[in-house]
Amino acid sequence: MKQVDLSTFNNQWYQPGSPIKRLLWYFINVVFFKSSCFPFYALKTFLLRLFGATVGKGVCIKPCVNIKYPWLLTIGDYVWIGEQVWIDNLAKVTIGNHVCISQNALLLCGNHDYTSTQFDLIVKPIVIEDGAWIGAQSTVCGGAHCATHTVVALGAVLVGDTTPYAIYKGNPAVKVKDRVIV
């Protein structure tokens, strides 16, 4: 039987930005985003835009948020991003308007091909449409498309597509009922 050989891992094909840009962002991210000392939303949105993100108005980014590559990030209007959210956007992440991403949620665009001896890197985009709520400690995986006004419940793991106005729970997340907004 074949075995994984990590000494052969090679992701040189993956070039998410210049090394200088990534290094500068690393320090900005550590000082202004991952820190609990800088809760100033306007400064955070300015810095994201400076590094190539598209950011709407009224965006609230709480302390201790980790964003991998802002130039691969689009955030709509009136989005809330809670404490300790990790946007590991190795691919494009698109967040619609009026979206809430609760504390400790993970948006993970990267994975590995566990059938490959080289454990190849796989990257896929994430789309979260208007009015969605990504619950606390939930995970949205690469390739997921979270439809308008979907709720991904506490601790759920979303690996695919959702239907509009629905609530998803579990690992993997499955639809448990419709979302009714009154």
N, C-alpha and C. Protein backbone atom coordinates (compact mmCIF):
# COMPACT_ATOMS: atom_id res chain seq x y z
N MET A 1 0.84 -1.19 0.00
CA MET A 1 0.00 0.00 0.00
C MET A 1 0.88 1.25 0.00
N LYS A 2 0.43 2.25 -0.75
CA LYS A 2 1.15 3.51 -0.77
C LYS A 2 0.96 4.24 0.55
N GLN A 3 1.90 5.14 0.84
CA GLN A 3 1.85 5.93 2.06
C GLN A 3 2.03 7.40 1.72
N VAL A 4 1.55 8.25 2.59
CA VAL A 4 1.78 9.68 2.45
C VAL A 4 3.26 9.97 2.66
N ASP A 5 3.81 10.81 1.80
CA ASP A 5 5.22 11.19 1.90
C ASP A 5 5.28 12.72 1.86
N LEU A 6 5.24 13.34 3.03
CA LEU A 6 5.21 14.80 3.09
C LEU A 6 6.49 15.45 2.59
N SER A 7 7.56 14.68 2.45
CA SER A 7 8.80 15.25 1.90
C SER A 7 8.62 15.62 0.43
N THR A 8 7.58 15.09 -0.23
CA THR A 8 7.33 15.40 -1.63
C THR A 8 6.27 16.49 -1.82
N PHE A 9 5.73 17.01 -0.71
CA PHE A 9 4.70 18.06 -0.80
C PHE A 9 5.27 19.26 -1.53
N ASN A 10 4.48 19.80 -2.46
CA ASN A 10 4.93 20.94 -3.25
C ASN A 10 3.72 21.80 -3.61
N ASN A 11 3.65 22.97 -3.05
CA ASN A 11 2.57 23.88 -3.43
C ASN A 11 3.12 25.15 -4.08
N GLN A 12 4.20 25.01 -4.82
CA GLN A 12 4.79 26.17 -5.50
C GLN A 12 3.83 26.78 -6.51
N TRP A 13 2.86 26.01 -6.98
CA TRP A 13 1.87 26.52 -7.92
C TRP A 13 0.99 27.58 -7.25
N TYR A 14 0.91 27.55 -5.93
CA TYR A 14 0.02 28.46 -5.20
C TYR A 14 0.75 29.76 -4.88
N GLN A 15 0.37 30.83 -5.55
CA GLN A 15 1.00 32.13 -5.36
C GLN A 15 -0.09 33.16 -5.03
N PRO A 16 -0.46 33.34 -3.76
CA PRO A 16 -1.56 34.22 -3.40
C PRO A 16 -1.22 35.71 -3.37
N GLY A 17 -0.02 36.06 -3.67
CA GLY A 17 0.40 37.47 -3.65
C GLY A 17 1.91 37.52 -3.51
N SER A 18 2.46 38.69 -3.73
CA SER A 18 3.91 38.82 -3.64
C SER A 18 4.38 38.56 -2.21
N PRO A 19 5.59 38.03 -2.04
CA PRO A 19 6.11 37.79 -0.69
C PRO A 19 6.17 39.06 0.17
N ILE A 20 6.48 40.19 -0.44
CA ILE A 20 6.56 41.45 0.33
C ILE A 20 5.17 41.85 0.81
N LYS A 21 4.18 41.75 -0.06
CA LYS A 21 2.80 42.08 0.31
C LYS A 21 2.32 41.17 1.44
N ARG A 22 2.61 39.88 1.34
CA ARG A 22 2.19 38.93 2.38
C ARG A 22 2.90 39.22 3.70
N LEU A 23 4.17 39.59 3.64
CA LEU A 23 4.91 39.91 4.86
C LEU A 23 4.36 41.17 5.53
N LEU A 24 4.12 42.22 4.73
CA LEU A 24 3.53 43.44 5.29
C LEU A 24 2.17 43.16 5.92
N TRP A 25 1.33 42.40 5.21
CA TRP A 25 0.02 42.07 5.76
C TRP A 25 0.14 41.27 7.04
N TYR A 26 1.09 40.37 7.11
CA TYR A 26 1.27 39.56 8.32
C TYR A 26 1.39 40.46 9.55
N PHE A 27 2.23 41.48 9.47
CA PHE A 27 2.44 42.37 10.62
C PHE A 27 1.22 43.25 10.89
N ILE A 28 0.58 43.76 9.84
CA ILE A 28 -0.64 44.56 10.02
C ILE A 28 -1.72 43.70 10.69
N ASN A 29 -1.86 42.48 10.22
CA ASN A 29 -2.86 41.55 10.77
C ASN A 29 -2.61 41.29 12.26
N VAL A 30 -1.36 41.03 12.61
CA VAL A 30 -1.01 40.75 14.01
C VAL A 30 -1.29 41.96 14.91
N VAL A 31 -0.89 43.13 14.46
CA VAL A 31 -1.00 44.33 15.31
C VAL A 31 -2.43 44.86 15.38
N PHE A 32 -3.14 44.91 14.26
CA PHE A 32 -4.43 45.59 14.23
C PHE A 32 -5.65 44.68 14.22
N PHE A 33 -5.50 43.43 13.83
CA PHE A 33 -6.66 42.54 13.73
C PHE A 33 -6.64 41.44 14.79
N LYS A 34 -5.55 40.72 14.89
CA LYS A 34 -5.48 39.62 15.85
C LYS A 34 -5.37 40.10 17.29
N SER A 35 -5.00 41.33 17.48
CA SER A 35 -4.84 41.92 18.81
C SER A 35 -6.19 42.28 19.42
N SER A 36 -6.26 42.24 20.72
CA SER A 36 -7.48 42.69 21.41
C SER A 36 -7.40 44.18 21.74
N CYS A 37 -6.32 44.83 21.34
CA CYS A 37 -6.10 46.24 21.70
C CYS A 37 -6.65 47.24 20.70
N PHE A 38 -7.11 46.82 19.54
CA PHE A 38 -7.51 47.76 18.50
C PHE A 38 -8.93 47.47 18.00
N PRO A 39 -9.94 47.90 18.73
CA PRO A 39 -11.32 47.63 18.29
C PRO A 39 -11.90 48.70 17.37
N PHE A 40 -11.07 49.49 16.70
CA PHE A 40 -11.54 50.59 15.88
C PHE A 40 -11.94 50.10 14.49
N TYR A 41 -13.23 50.08 14.23
CA TYR A 41 -13.74 49.51 12.99
C TYR A 41 -13.27 50.28 11.76
N ALA A 42 -13.28 51.61 11.82
CA ALA A 42 -12.91 52.42 10.66
C ALA A 42 -11.45 52.17 10.26
N LEU A 43 -10.57 52.04 11.24
CA LEU A 43 -9.17 51.76 10.94
C LEU A 43 -9.02 50.39 10.29
N LYS A 44 -9.75 49.42 10.80
CA LYS A 44 -9.66 48.06 10.24
C LYS A 44 -10.17 48.03 8.80
N THR A 45 -11.29 48.67 8.53
CA THR A 45 -11.80 48.66 7.15
C THR A 45 -10.86 49.43 6.22
N PHE A 46 -10.26 50.52 6.71
CA PHE A 46 -9.27 51.25 5.91
C PHE A 46 -8.09 50.35 5.55
N LEU A 47 -7.57 49.63 6.53
CA LEU A 47 -6.42 48.76 6.28
C LEU A 47 -6.78 47.62 5.32
N LEU A 48 -7.96 47.05 5.48
CA LEU A 48 -8.38 46.00 4.55
C LEU A 48 -8.45 46.54 3.12
N ARG A 49 -9.04 47.70 2.95
CA ARG A 49 -9.12 48.31 1.61
C ARG A 49 -7.73 48.62 1.07
N LEU A 50 -6.85 49.11 1.94
CA LEU A 50 -5.48 49.43 1.53
C LEU A 50 -4.78 48.20 0.95
N PHE A 51 -5.11 47.02 1.50
CA PHE A 51 -4.50 45.77 1.03
C PHE A 51 -5.35 45.04 0.00
N GLY A 52 -6.35 45.73 -0.57
CA GLY A 52 -7.05 45.18 -1.73
C GLY A 52 -8.39 44.55 -1.48
N ALA A 53 -8.88 44.55 -0.24
CA ALA A 53 -10.21 44.01 0.03
C ALA A 53 -11.27 44.98 -0.46
N THR A 54 -12.41 44.44 -0.81
CA THR A 54 -13.59 45.25 -1.07
C THR A 54 -14.43 45.19 0.19
N VAL A 55 -14.67 46.35 0.81
CA VAL A 55 -15.37 46.40 2.10
C VAL A 55 -16.49 47.44 2.01
N GLY A 56 -17.70 47.01 2.37
CA GLY A 56 -18.85 47.90 2.35
C GLY A 56 -18.89 48.83 3.54
N LYS A 57 -20.01 49.50 3.72
CA LYS A 57 -20.17 50.45 4.82
C LYS A 57 -20.76 49.74 6.04
N GLY A 58 -20.50 50.31 7.21
CA GLY A 58 -21.08 49.80 8.44
C GLY A 58 -20.55 48.45 8.87
N VAL A 59 -19.35 48.10 8.47
CA VAL A 59 -18.76 46.80 8.81
C VAL A 59 -18.16 46.87 10.22
N CYS A 60 -18.46 45.87 11.02
CA CYS A 60 -18.00 45.78 12.40
C CYS A 60 -17.09 44.55 12.53
N ILE A 61 -15.80 44.80 12.76
CA ILE A 61 -14.84 43.70 12.93
C ILE A 61 -14.32 43.76 14.35
N LYS A 62 -14.70 42.78 15.13
CA LYS A 62 -14.34 42.72 16.55
C LYS A 62 -12.85 42.39 16.72
N PRO A 63 -12.33 42.46 17.95
CA PRO A 63 -10.93 42.11 18.21
C PRO A 63 -10.63 40.63 17.96
N CYS A 64 -9.35 40.36 17.78
CA CYS A 64 -8.81 38.99 17.67
C CYS A 64 -9.32 38.25 16.44
N VAL A 65 -9.52 38.96 15.34
CA VAL A 65 -9.92 38.35 14.07
C VAL A 65 -8.67 38.13 13.24
N ASN A 66 -8.59 36.97 12.59
CA ASN A 66 -7.44 36.64 11.76
C ASN A 66 -7.90 36.54 10.31
N ILE A 67 -7.32 37.36 9.45
CA ILE A 67 -7.64 37.35 8.02
C ILE A 67 -6.37 37.04 7.25
N LYS A 68 -6.40 35.97 6.46
CA LYS A 68 -5.20 35.51 5.76
C LYS A 68 -4.77 36.48 4.66
N TYR A 69 -5.62 36.72 3.67
CA TYR A 69 -5.25 37.55 2.53
C TYR A 69 -6.39 38.50 2.18
N PRO A 70 -6.32 39.76 2.59
CA PRO A 70 -7.43 40.68 2.33
C PRO A 70 -7.71 40.90 0.84
N TRP A 71 -6.73 40.75 -0.01
CA TRP A 71 -6.93 40.96 -1.44
C TRP A 71 -7.79 39.86 -2.05
N LEU A 72 -8.10 38.82 -1.28
CA LEU A 72 -9.03 37.77 -1.72
C LEU A 72 -10.35 37.83 -0.94
N LEU A 73 -10.70 39.01 -0.43
CA LEU A 73 -11.85 39.15 0.45
C LEU A 73 -12.78 40.26 -0.03
N THR A 74 -14.07 39.94 -0.09
CA THR A 74 -15.11 40.92 -0.37
C THR A 74 -16.12 40.85 0.76
N ILE A 75 -16.37 42.01 1.39
CA ILE A 75 -17.33 42.10 2.49
C ILE A 75 -18.36 43.16 2.13
N GLY A 76 -19.65 42.80 2.24
CA GLY A 76 -20.73 43.72 1.91
C GLY A 76 -20.99 44.73 3.02
N ASP A 77 -22.14 45.37 2.96
CA ASP A 77 -22.53 46.39 3.92
C ASP A 77 -23.09 45.77 5.20
N TYR A 78 -22.84 46.42 6.32
CA TYR A 78 -23.39 46.07 7.63
C TYR A 78 -23.13 44.61 8.01
N VAL A 79 -21.91 44.22 7.87
CA VAL A 79 -21.47 42.87 8.23
C VAL A 79 -20.85 42.92 9.62
N TRP A 80 -21.17 41.93 10.44
CA TRP A 80 -20.57 41.79 11.77
C TRP A 80 -19.66 40.59 11.76
N ILE A 81 -18.41 40.79 12.18
CA ILE A 81 -17.45 39.70 12.29
C ILE A 81 -17.01 39.65 13.75
N GLY A 82 -17.34 38.56 14.43
CA GLY A 82 -17.14 38.44 15.87
C GLY A 82 -15.72 38.10 16.28
N GLU A 83 -15.49 38.14 17.58
CA GLU A 83 -14.18 37.85 18.15
C GLU A 83 -13.69 36.47 17.73
N GLN A 84 -12.40 36.43 17.46
CA GLN A 84 -11.66 35.20 17.16
C GLN A 84 -12.16 34.45 15.92
N VAL A 85 -12.79 35.17 15.00
CA VAL A 85 -13.12 34.58 13.70
C VAL A 85 -11.83 34.43 12.91
N TRP A 86 -11.70 33.32 12.20
CA TRP A 86 -10.54 33.10 11.34
C TRP A 86 -11.03 32.96 9.90
N ILE A 87 -10.66 33.93 9.08
CA ILE A 87 -10.96 33.86 7.65
C ILE A 87 -9.67 33.42 6.96
N ASP A 88 -9.57 32.12 6.77
CA ASP A 88 -8.38 31.51 6.16
C ASP A 88 -8.62 31.44 4.65
N ASN A 89 -8.63 32.60 4.03
CA ASN A 89 -9.03 32.70 2.63
C ASN A 89 -7.85 32.50 1.68
N LEU A 90 -7.51 31.25 1.51
CA LEU A 90 -6.51 30.89 0.50
C LEU A 90 -7.10 31.05 -0.90
N ALA A 91 -8.42 31.14 -0.98
CA ALA A 91 -9.15 31.44 -2.21
C ALA A 91 -10.11 32.58 -1.90
N LYS A 92 -10.85 33.02 -2.88
CA LYS A 92 -11.77 34.15 -2.73
C LYS A 92 -12.88 33.83 -1.71
N VAL A 93 -13.09 34.75 -0.78
CA VAL A 93 -14.22 34.69 0.14
C VAL A 93 -15.09 35.91 -0.12
N THR A 94 -16.36 35.65 -0.39
CA THR A 94 -17.32 36.71 -0.66
C THR A 94 -18.40 36.67 0.41
N ILE A 95 -18.55 37.76 1.14
CA ILE A 95 -19.53 37.87 2.21
C ILE A 95 -20.51 38.96 1.80
N GLY A 96 -21.80 38.62 1.74
CA GLY A 96 -22.83 39.55 1.31
C GLY A 96 -23.15 40.62 2.35
N ASN A 97 -24.26 41.29 2.16
CA ASN A 97 -24.72 42.34 3.05
C ASN A 97 -25.47 41.76 4.26
N HIS A 98 -25.36 42.44 5.39
CA HIS A 98 -26.12 42.10 6.60
C HIS A 98 -25.85 40.67 7.06
N VAL A 99 -24.61 40.25 6.96
CA VAL A 99 -24.18 38.91 7.39
C VAL A 99 -23.58 39.02 8.78
N CYS A 100 -23.88 38.03 9.62
CA CYS A 100 -23.26 37.93 10.94
C CYS A 100 -22.40 36.68 10.98
N ILE A 101 -21.13 36.86 11.28
CA ILE A 101 -20.21 35.73 11.48
C ILE A 101 -19.82 35.77 12.94
N SER A 102 -20.35 34.83 13.71
CA SER A 102 -20.21 34.86 15.17
C SER A 102 -18.84 34.39 15.63
N GLN A 103 -18.56 34.62 16.91
CA GLN A 103 -17.25 34.37 17.49
C GLN A 103 -16.77 32.94 17.27
N ASN A 104 -15.47 32.84 17.03
CA ASN A 104 -14.76 31.57 16.84
C ASN A 104 -15.17 30.80 15.60
N ALA A 105 -15.90 31.42 14.68
CA ALA A 105 -16.24 30.74 13.43
C ALA A 105 -15.00 30.66 12.55
N LEU A 106 -14.96 29.65 11.72
CA LEU A 106 -13.84 29.43 10.80
C LEU A 106 -14.35 29.41 9.36
N LEU A 107 -13.73 30.20 8.50
CA LEU A 107 -13.98 30.12 7.06
C LEU A 107 -12.69 29.59 6.46
N LEU A 108 -12.72 28.34 6.03
CA LEU A 108 -11.49 27.64 5.62
C LEU A 108 -11.55 27.28 4.14
N CYS A 109 -10.78 27.99 3.33
CA CYS A 109 -10.76 27.74 1.89
C CYS A 109 -9.79 26.64 1.48
N GLY A 110 -8.91 26.24 2.38
CA GLY A 110 -7.89 25.25 2.02
C GLY A 110 -8.14 23.90 2.66
N ASN A 111 -7.66 22.89 1.96
CA ASN A 111 -7.73 21.52 2.44
C ASN A 111 -6.60 20.75 1.75
N HIS A 112 -6.55 19.46 1.98
CA HIS A 112 -5.52 18.64 1.34
C HIS A 112 -6.15 17.40 0.73
N ASP A 113 -5.56 16.93 -0.34
CA ASP A 113 -6.01 15.71 -1.01
C ASP A 113 -5.43 14.52 -0.25
N TYR A 114 -6.24 13.91 0.59
CA TYR A 114 -5.77 12.80 1.41
C TYR A 114 -5.57 11.51 0.61
N THR A 115 -5.96 11.51 -0.70
CA THR A 115 -5.72 10.34 -1.54
C THR A 115 -4.38 10.42 -2.26
N SER A 116 -3.72 11.57 -2.15
CA SER A 116 -2.45 11.79 -2.83
C SER A 116 -1.28 11.49 -1.89
N THR A 117 -0.26 10.83 -2.40
CA THR A 117 0.92 10.59 -1.58
C THR A 117 1.59 11.90 -1.20
N GLN A 118 1.39 12.94 -2.02
CA GLN A 118 2.00 14.25 -1.76
C GLN A 118 1.13 15.14 -0.88
N PHE A 119 -0.10 14.70 -0.54
CA PHE A 119 -0.99 15.48 0.32
C PHE A 119 -1.23 16.87 -0.28
N ASP A 120 -1.52 16.89 -1.60
CA ASP A 120 -1.65 18.13 -2.36
C ASP A 120 -2.62 19.12 -1.74
N LEU A 121 -2.27 20.40 -1.85
CA LEU A 121 -3.13 21.49 -1.39
C LEU A 121 -4.31 21.64 -2.34
N ILE A 122 -5.50 21.83 -1.76
CA ILE A 122 -6.71 22.11 -2.52
C ILE A 122 -7.28 23.42 -1.99
N VAL A 123 -7.60 24.35 -2.87
CA VAL A 123 -8.22 25.61 -2.46
C VAL A 123 -9.50 25.82 -3.25
N LYS A 124 -10.54 26.25 -2.53
CA LYS A 124 -11.83 26.53 -3.15
C LYS A 124 -12.43 27.76 -2.49
N PRO A 125 -13.18 28.57 -3.26
CA PRO A 125 -13.78 29.79 -2.71
C PRO A 125 -14.96 29.49 -1.80
N ILE A 126 -15.35 30.51 -1.05
CA ILE A 126 -16.53 30.46 -0.19
C ILE A 126 -17.40 31.66 -0.54
N VAL A 127 -18.71 31.42 -0.63
CA VAL A 127 -19.68 32.50 -0.85
C VAL A 127 -20.71 32.44 0.27
N ILE A 128 -20.91 33.58 0.94
CA ILE A 128 -21.93 33.71 1.97
C ILE A 128 -22.84 34.85 1.53
N GLU A 129 -24.08 34.52 1.20
CA GLU A 129 -25.01 35.51 0.65
C GLU A 129 -25.65 36.37 1.74
N ASP A 130 -26.38 37.39 1.29
CA ASP A 130 -27.02 38.38 2.17
C ASP A 130 -27.84 37.74 3.29
N GLY A 131 -27.75 38.35 4.48
CA GLY A 131 -28.60 37.97 5.59
C GLY A 131 -28.27 36.67 6.27
N ALA A 132 -27.18 36.02 5.88
CA ALA A 132 -26.82 34.74 6.50
C ALA A 132 -26.22 34.96 7.88
N TRP A 133 -26.32 33.94 8.69
CA TRP A 133 -25.73 33.95 10.03
C TRP A 133 -24.88 32.71 10.18
N ILE A 134 -23.59 32.90 10.35
CA ILE A 134 -22.65 31.82 10.60
C ILE A 134 -22.47 31.77 12.11
N GLY A 135 -23.00 30.73 12.74
CA GLY A 135 -23.04 30.65 14.20
C GLY A 135 -21.67 30.47 14.83
N ALA A 136 -21.63 30.73 16.13
CA ALA A 136 -20.40 30.61 16.91
C ALA A 136 -19.80 29.21 16.76
N GLN A 137 -18.50 29.17 16.65
CA GLN A 137 -17.70 27.94 16.57
C GLN A 137 -18.11 27.03 15.42
N SER A 138 -18.73 27.59 14.39
CA SER A 138 -19.05 26.79 13.22
C SER A 138 -17.93 26.92 12.20
N THR A 139 -17.94 26.02 11.23
CA THR A 139 -16.92 25.99 10.19
C THR A 139 -17.58 25.98 8.83
N VAL A 140 -17.12 26.86 7.95
CA VAL A 140 -17.56 26.88 6.56
C VAL A 140 -16.35 26.47 5.73
N CYS A 141 -16.49 25.37 5.00
CA CYS A 141 -15.36 24.81 4.25
C CYS A 141 -15.31 25.34 2.82
N GLY A 142 -14.14 25.25 2.23
CA GLY A 142 -13.94 25.67 0.86
C GLY A 142 -14.92 25.00 -0.08
N GLY A 143 -15.45 25.78 -1.00
CA GLY A 143 -16.43 25.29 -1.95
C GLY A 143 -17.87 25.46 -1.49
N ALA A 144 -18.06 25.87 -0.23
CA ALA A 144 -19.42 26.05 0.30
C ALA A 144 -20.04 27.32 -0.27
N HIS A 145 -21.34 27.23 -0.48
CA HIS A 145 -22.13 28.37 -0.93
C HIS A 145 -23.31 28.49 0.03
N CYS A 146 -23.26 29.48 0.88
CA CYS A 146 -24.28 29.70 1.91
C CYS A 146 -25.32 30.65 1.33
N ALA A 147 -26.50 30.14 1.03
CA ALA A 147 -27.54 30.91 0.35
C ALA A 147 -28.10 32.01 1.25
N THR A 148 -28.84 32.91 0.63
CA THR A 148 -29.39 34.06 1.32
C THR A 148 -30.19 33.66 2.57
N HIS A 149 -29.90 34.32 3.67
CA HIS A 149 -30.60 34.18 4.94
C HIS A 149 -30.52 32.78 5.54
N THR A 150 -29.50 32.03 5.19
CA THR A 150 -29.25 30.73 5.80
C THR A 150 -28.65 30.95 7.18
N VAL A 151 -28.97 30.06 8.11
CA VAL A 151 -28.33 30.02 9.42
C VAL A 151 -27.51 28.74 9.49
N VAL A 152 -26.24 28.89 9.80
CA VAL A 152 -25.37 27.74 10.09
C VAL A 152 -25.21 27.74 11.60
N ALA A 153 -25.83 26.77 12.25
CA ALA A 153 -25.98 26.78 13.71
C ALA A 153 -24.65 26.57 14.42
N LEU A 154 -24.68 26.85 15.71
CA LEU A 154 -23.54 26.68 16.62
C LEU A 154 -22.80 25.37 16.36
N GLY A 155 -21.52 25.46 16.06
CA GLY A 155 -20.67 24.29 15.92
C GLY A 155 -20.88 23.46 14.67
N ALA A 156 -21.73 23.89 13.75
CA ALA A 156 -21.99 23.13 12.53
C ALA A 156 -20.79 23.20 11.58
N VAL A 157 -20.71 22.23 10.68
CA VAL A 157 -19.65 22.18 9.68
C VAL A 157 -20.31 22.15 8.30
N LEU A 158 -20.24 23.28 7.59
CA LEU A 158 -20.87 23.39 6.28
C LEU A 158 -19.87 23.02 5.20
N VAL A 159 -20.19 21.99 4.42
CA VAL A 159 -19.27 21.51 3.39
C VAL A 159 -19.81 21.66 1.97
N GLY A 160 -21.03 22.10 1.82
CA GLY A 160 -21.61 22.22 0.47
C GLY A 160 -22.48 23.44 0.34
N ASP A 161 -23.54 23.30 -0.43
CA ASP A 161 -24.46 24.39 -0.69
C ASP A 161 -25.67 24.30 0.24
N THR A 162 -26.26 25.46 0.51
CA THR A 162 -27.48 25.51 1.31
C THR A 162 -28.62 26.04 0.45
N THR A 163 -29.82 25.95 0.99
CA THR A 163 -30.97 26.54 0.33
C THR A 163 -31.33 27.83 1.08
N PRO A 164 -31.94 28.80 0.40
CA PRO A 164 -32.28 30.06 1.06
C PRO A 164 -33.24 29.87 2.24
N TYR A 165 -33.10 30.74 3.23
CA TYR A 165 -33.99 30.78 4.38
C TYR A 165 -34.12 29.41 5.05
N ALA A 166 -32.99 28.81 5.35
CA ALA A 166 -32.99 27.50 6.00
C ALA A 166 -31.99 27.51 7.15
N ILE A 167 -32.20 26.59 8.10
CA ILE A 167 -31.31 26.45 9.24
C ILE A 167 -30.60 25.10 9.13
N TYR A 168 -29.27 25.14 9.25
CA TYR A 168 -28.43 23.95 9.11
C TYR A 168 -27.71 23.67 10.43
N LYS A 169 -27.70 22.40 10.83
CA LYS A 169 -27.03 21.98 12.06
C LYS A 169 -26.22 20.72 11.79
N GLY A 170 -25.23 20.48 12.65
CA GLY A 170 -24.52 19.21 12.64
C GLY A 170 -23.22 19.20 11.87
N ASN A 171 -22.63 18.00 11.83
CA ASN A 171 -21.37 17.75 11.13
C ASN A 171 -21.49 16.43 10.39
N PRO A 172 -21.67 16.50 9.06
CA PRO A 172 -21.80 17.70 8.22
C PRO A 172 -23.16 18.35 8.44
N ALA A 173 -23.22 19.64 8.18
CA ALA A 173 -24.45 20.39 8.40
C ALA A 173 -25.55 19.92 7.46
N VAL A 174 -26.72 19.71 8.02
CA VAL A 174 -27.91 19.33 7.25
C VAL A 174 -29.05 20.28 7.61
N LYS A 175 -29.96 20.46 6.68
CA LYS A 175 -31.11 21.33 6.91
C LYS A 175 -32.02 20.69 7.96
N VAL A 176 -32.37 21.48 8.99
CA VAL A 176 -33.27 20.97 10.03
C VAL A 176 -34.63 21.65 9.99
N LYS A 177 -34.68 22.89 9.47
CA LYS A 177 -35.98 23.55 9.31
C LYS A 177 -35.79 24.83 8.51
N ASP A 178 -36.91 25.45 8.18
CA ASP A 178 -36.88 26.73 7.47
C ASP A 178 -36.64 27.86 8.45
N ARG A 179 -36.04 28.92 7.96
CA ARG A 179 -35.87 30.14 8.75
C ARG A 179 -37.01 31.08 8.39
N VAL A 180 -37.78 31.45 9.40
CA VAL A 180 -38.88 32.38 9.20
C VAL A 180 -38.53 33.67 9.94
N ILE A 181 -38.49 34.78 9.23
CA ILE A 181 -38.19 36.08 9.83
C ILE A 181 -39.51 36.84 9.95
N VAL A 182 -39.83 37.26 11.17
CA VAL A 182 -41.12 37.93 11.38
C VAL A 182 -40.94 39.43 11.60
